[in-house]
Amino acid sequence: MERTREIAKVVTKLPIDDVKTDFAYWQTRSCQERLEALEQIRREYNIWKYNVEPRLQRVYRIVKR
C-alpha cells in the first residue's frame, strides 16, 4: 500500500517593520561566504544566458621583435 504525504501550507502575516531583508541576511555572512555565493550566481547566469561552462580566458601577449 502506497503512502502519500501532504504538506500543509503555512502563511504568516507580519507587520512591515518586522519583515527581514536580504540585505540584513547577507550582512551576517562572512566576506568569503558572500563571494562564494556571488561566484555561484555568476556561473548559473553564464550557463543560463550563454549555455556555456565557465572557462579560463585566453591571454595574448604581443612582443615586439
N, C-alpha and C. Protein backbone atom coordinates (compact mmCIF):
# COMPACT_ATOMS: atom_id res chain seq x y z
N MET A 1 0.83 -1.17 0.00
CA MET A 1 0.00 0.00 0.00
C MET A 1 0.89 1.25 0.00
N GLU A 2 0.65 2.13 -0.95
CA GLU A 2 1.47 3.33 -1.08
C GLU A 2 0.93 4.42 -0.15
N ARG A 3 1.88 5.08 0.50
CA ARG A 3 1.51 6.13 1.44
C ARG A 3 1.83 7.49 0.83
N THR A 4 0.90 8.40 0.88
CA THR A 4 1.15 9.74 0.34
C THR A 4 1.32 10.72 1.50
N ARG A 5 2.20 11.67 1.29
CA ARG A 5 2.42 12.70 2.31
C ARG A 5 1.85 14.02 1.81
N GLU A 6 1.31 14.75 2.71
CA GLU A 6 0.78 16.06 2.37
C GLU A 6 1.58 17.12 3.10
N ILE A 7 1.78 18.24 2.42
CA ILE A 7 2.50 19.36 3.01
C ILE A 7 1.48 20.45 3.31
N ALA A 8 1.44 20.88 4.55
CA ALA A 8 0.50 21.93 4.93
C ALA A 8 1.06 23.29 4.54
N LYS A 9 0.22 24.12 3.95
CA LYS A 9 0.62 25.47 3.59
C LYS A 9 0.51 26.35 4.82
N VAL A 10 1.56 27.09 5.10
CA VAL A 10 1.57 27.96 6.27
C VAL A 10 1.84 29.38 5.80
N VAL A 11 1.00 30.29 6.22
CA VAL A 11 1.16 31.70 5.89
C VAL A 11 1.25 32.48 7.18
N THR A 12 2.25 33.34 7.28
CA THR A 12 2.41 34.17 8.46
C THR A 12 2.31 35.63 8.04
N LYS A 13 1.43 36.35 8.68
CA LYS A 13 1.23 37.76 8.37
C LYS A 13 1.99 38.58 9.40
N LEU A 14 2.91 39.44 8.92
CA LEU A 14 3.75 40.25 9.81
C LEU A 14 3.58 41.72 9.50
N PRO A 15 3.80 42.56 10.50
CA PRO A 15 3.86 44.00 10.21
C PRO A 15 5.06 44.29 9.32
N ILE A 16 4.97 45.31 8.49
CA ILE A 16 6.03 45.62 7.52
C ILE A 16 7.36 45.89 8.21
N ASP A 17 7.33 46.39 9.43
CA ASP A 17 8.58 46.68 10.15
C ASP A 17 9.30 45.42 10.62
N ASP A 18 8.58 44.31 10.73
CA ASP A 18 9.18 43.06 11.20
C ASP A 18 9.74 42.19 10.08
N VAL A 19 9.53 42.58 8.83
CA VAL A 19 9.99 41.79 7.70
C VAL A 19 11.50 41.96 7.55
N LYS A 20 12.21 40.85 7.53
CA LYS A 20 13.66 40.89 7.38
C LYS A 20 14.01 41.02 5.90
N THR A 21 15.09 41.73 5.63
CA THR A 21 15.50 41.95 4.24
C THR A 21 16.65 41.01 3.88
N ASP A 22 16.87 40.86 2.58
CA ASP A 22 18.02 40.10 2.12
C ASP A 22 19.31 40.77 2.57
N PHE A 23 19.31 42.10 2.56
CA PHE A 23 20.50 42.86 2.96
C PHE A 23 20.91 42.50 4.38
N ALA A 24 19.94 42.43 5.27
CA ALA A 24 20.24 42.07 6.67
C ALA A 24 20.84 40.68 6.76
N TYR A 25 20.32 39.75 5.96
CA TYR A 25 20.85 38.38 5.97
C TYR A 25 22.31 38.36 5.52
N TRP A 26 22.58 39.03 4.39
CA TRP A 26 23.93 38.98 3.83
C TRP A 26 24.94 39.74 4.69
N GLN A 27 24.47 40.66 5.50
CA GLN A 27 25.37 41.35 6.42
C GLN A 27 25.85 40.42 7.53
N THR A 28 25.10 39.37 7.80
CA THR A 28 25.51 38.41 8.83
C THR A 28 26.48 37.36 8.29
N ARG A 29 26.64 37.27 6.99
CA ARG A 29 27.55 36.29 6.37
C ARG A 29 28.96 36.87 6.27
N SER A 30 29.94 35.99 6.25
CA SER A 30 31.33 36.44 6.12
C SER A 30 31.61 36.87 4.68
N CYS A 31 32.70 37.60 4.50
CA CYS A 31 33.08 38.04 3.14
C CYS A 31 33.28 36.84 2.22
N GLN A 32 33.90 35.80 2.74
CA GLN A 32 34.15 34.60 1.94
C GLN A 32 32.84 33.96 1.48
N GLU A 33 31.87 33.86 2.37
CA GLU A 33 30.58 33.26 2.01
C GLU A 33 29.86 34.11 0.96
N ARG A 34 29.95 35.43 1.09
CA ARG A 34 29.31 36.32 0.11
C ARG A 34 29.95 36.17 -1.26
N LEU A 35 31.28 36.08 -1.29
CA LEU A 35 31.97 35.92 -2.57
C LEU A 35 31.64 34.58 -3.21
N GLU A 36 31.57 33.52 -2.41
CA GLU A 36 31.21 32.21 -2.94
C GLU A 36 29.81 32.21 -3.52
N ALA A 37 28.87 32.87 -2.86
CA ALA A 37 27.50 32.97 -3.36
C ALA A 37 27.47 33.76 -4.67
N LEU A 38 28.23 34.84 -4.72
CA LEU A 38 28.29 35.65 -5.93
C LEU A 38 28.87 34.86 -7.10
N GLU A 39 29.90 34.08 -6.84
CA GLU A 39 30.52 33.26 -7.89
C GLU A 39 29.54 32.20 -8.38
N GLN A 40 28.76 31.61 -7.48
CA GLN A 40 27.76 30.61 -7.87
C GLN A 40 26.69 31.25 -8.75
N ILE A 41 26.24 32.43 -8.38
CA ILE A 41 25.23 33.14 -9.19
C ILE A 41 25.80 33.45 -10.57
N ARG A 42 27.06 33.88 -10.63
CA ARG A 42 27.70 34.20 -11.90
C ARG A 42 27.77 32.97 -12.80
N ARG A 43 28.15 31.83 -12.23
CA ARG A 43 28.22 30.58 -13.00
C ARG A 43 26.85 30.20 -13.56
N GLU A 44 25.84 30.24 -12.69
CA GLU A 44 24.50 29.87 -13.13
C GLU A 44 24.00 30.81 -14.22
N TYR A 45 24.29 32.10 -14.10
CA TYR A 45 23.85 33.07 -15.11
C TYR A 45 24.52 32.77 -16.45
N ASN A 46 25.82 32.51 -16.45
CA ASN A 46 26.52 32.22 -17.70
C ASN A 46 25.99 30.97 -18.37
N ILE A 47 25.67 29.97 -17.61
CA ILE A 47 25.11 28.75 -18.18
C ILE A 47 23.72 29.04 -18.75
N TRP A 48 22.91 29.79 -18.02
CA TRP A 48 21.57 30.11 -18.48
C TRP A 48 21.58 31.02 -19.70
N LYS A 49 22.38 32.08 -19.67
CA LYS A 49 22.37 33.09 -20.73
C LYS A 49 23.11 32.61 -21.98
N TYR A 50 24.29 32.04 -21.81
CA TYR A 50 25.14 31.71 -22.95
C TYR A 50 25.25 30.22 -23.21
N ASN A 51 24.70 29.41 -22.33
CA ASN A 51 24.74 27.95 -22.45
C ASN A 51 26.18 27.43 -22.55
N VAL A 52 27.06 28.02 -21.75
CA VAL A 52 28.46 27.59 -21.73
C VAL A 52 28.94 27.46 -20.29
N GLU A 53 29.86 26.55 -20.10
CA GLU A 53 30.50 26.41 -18.81
C GLU A 53 31.61 27.46 -18.69
N PRO A 54 31.83 28.00 -17.51
CA PRO A 54 32.91 28.97 -17.36
C PRO A 54 34.27 28.31 -17.59
N ARG A 55 35.12 29.01 -18.30
CA ARG A 55 36.47 28.50 -18.58
C ARG A 55 37.46 29.63 -18.38
N LEU A 56 38.71 29.28 -18.44
CA LEU A 56 39.75 30.30 -18.36
C LEU A 56 39.79 31.09 -19.66
N GLN A 57 40.02 32.38 -19.56
CA GLN A 57 40.12 33.20 -20.76
C GLN A 57 41.51 33.05 -21.35
N ARG A 58 41.57 33.20 -22.64
CA ARG A 58 42.88 33.19 -23.30
C ARG A 58 43.55 34.53 -23.08
N VAL A 59 44.82 34.48 -22.89
CA VAL A 59 45.59 35.71 -22.71
C VAL A 59 46.63 35.76 -23.81
N TYR A 60 46.63 36.82 -24.57
CA TYR A 60 47.60 37.01 -25.63
C TYR A 60 48.57 38.09 -25.23
N ARG A 61 49.82 37.89 -25.61
CA ARG A 61 50.84 38.86 -25.31
C ARG A 61 51.56 39.20 -26.61
N ILE A 62 51.57 40.44 -26.95
CA ILE A 62 52.23 40.87 -28.17
C ILE A 62 53.62 41.39 -27.78
N VAL A 63 54.62 40.80 -28.43
CA VAL A 63 56.00 41.18 -28.13
C VAL A 63 56.63 41.73 -29.38
N LYS A 64 57.23 42.91 -29.28
CA LYS A 64 57.94 43.47 -30.43
C LYS A 64 59.28 42.77 -30.58
N ARG A 65 59.63 42.49 -31.83
CA ARG A 65 60.93 41.85 -32.07
C ARG A 65 61.85 42.84 -32.70
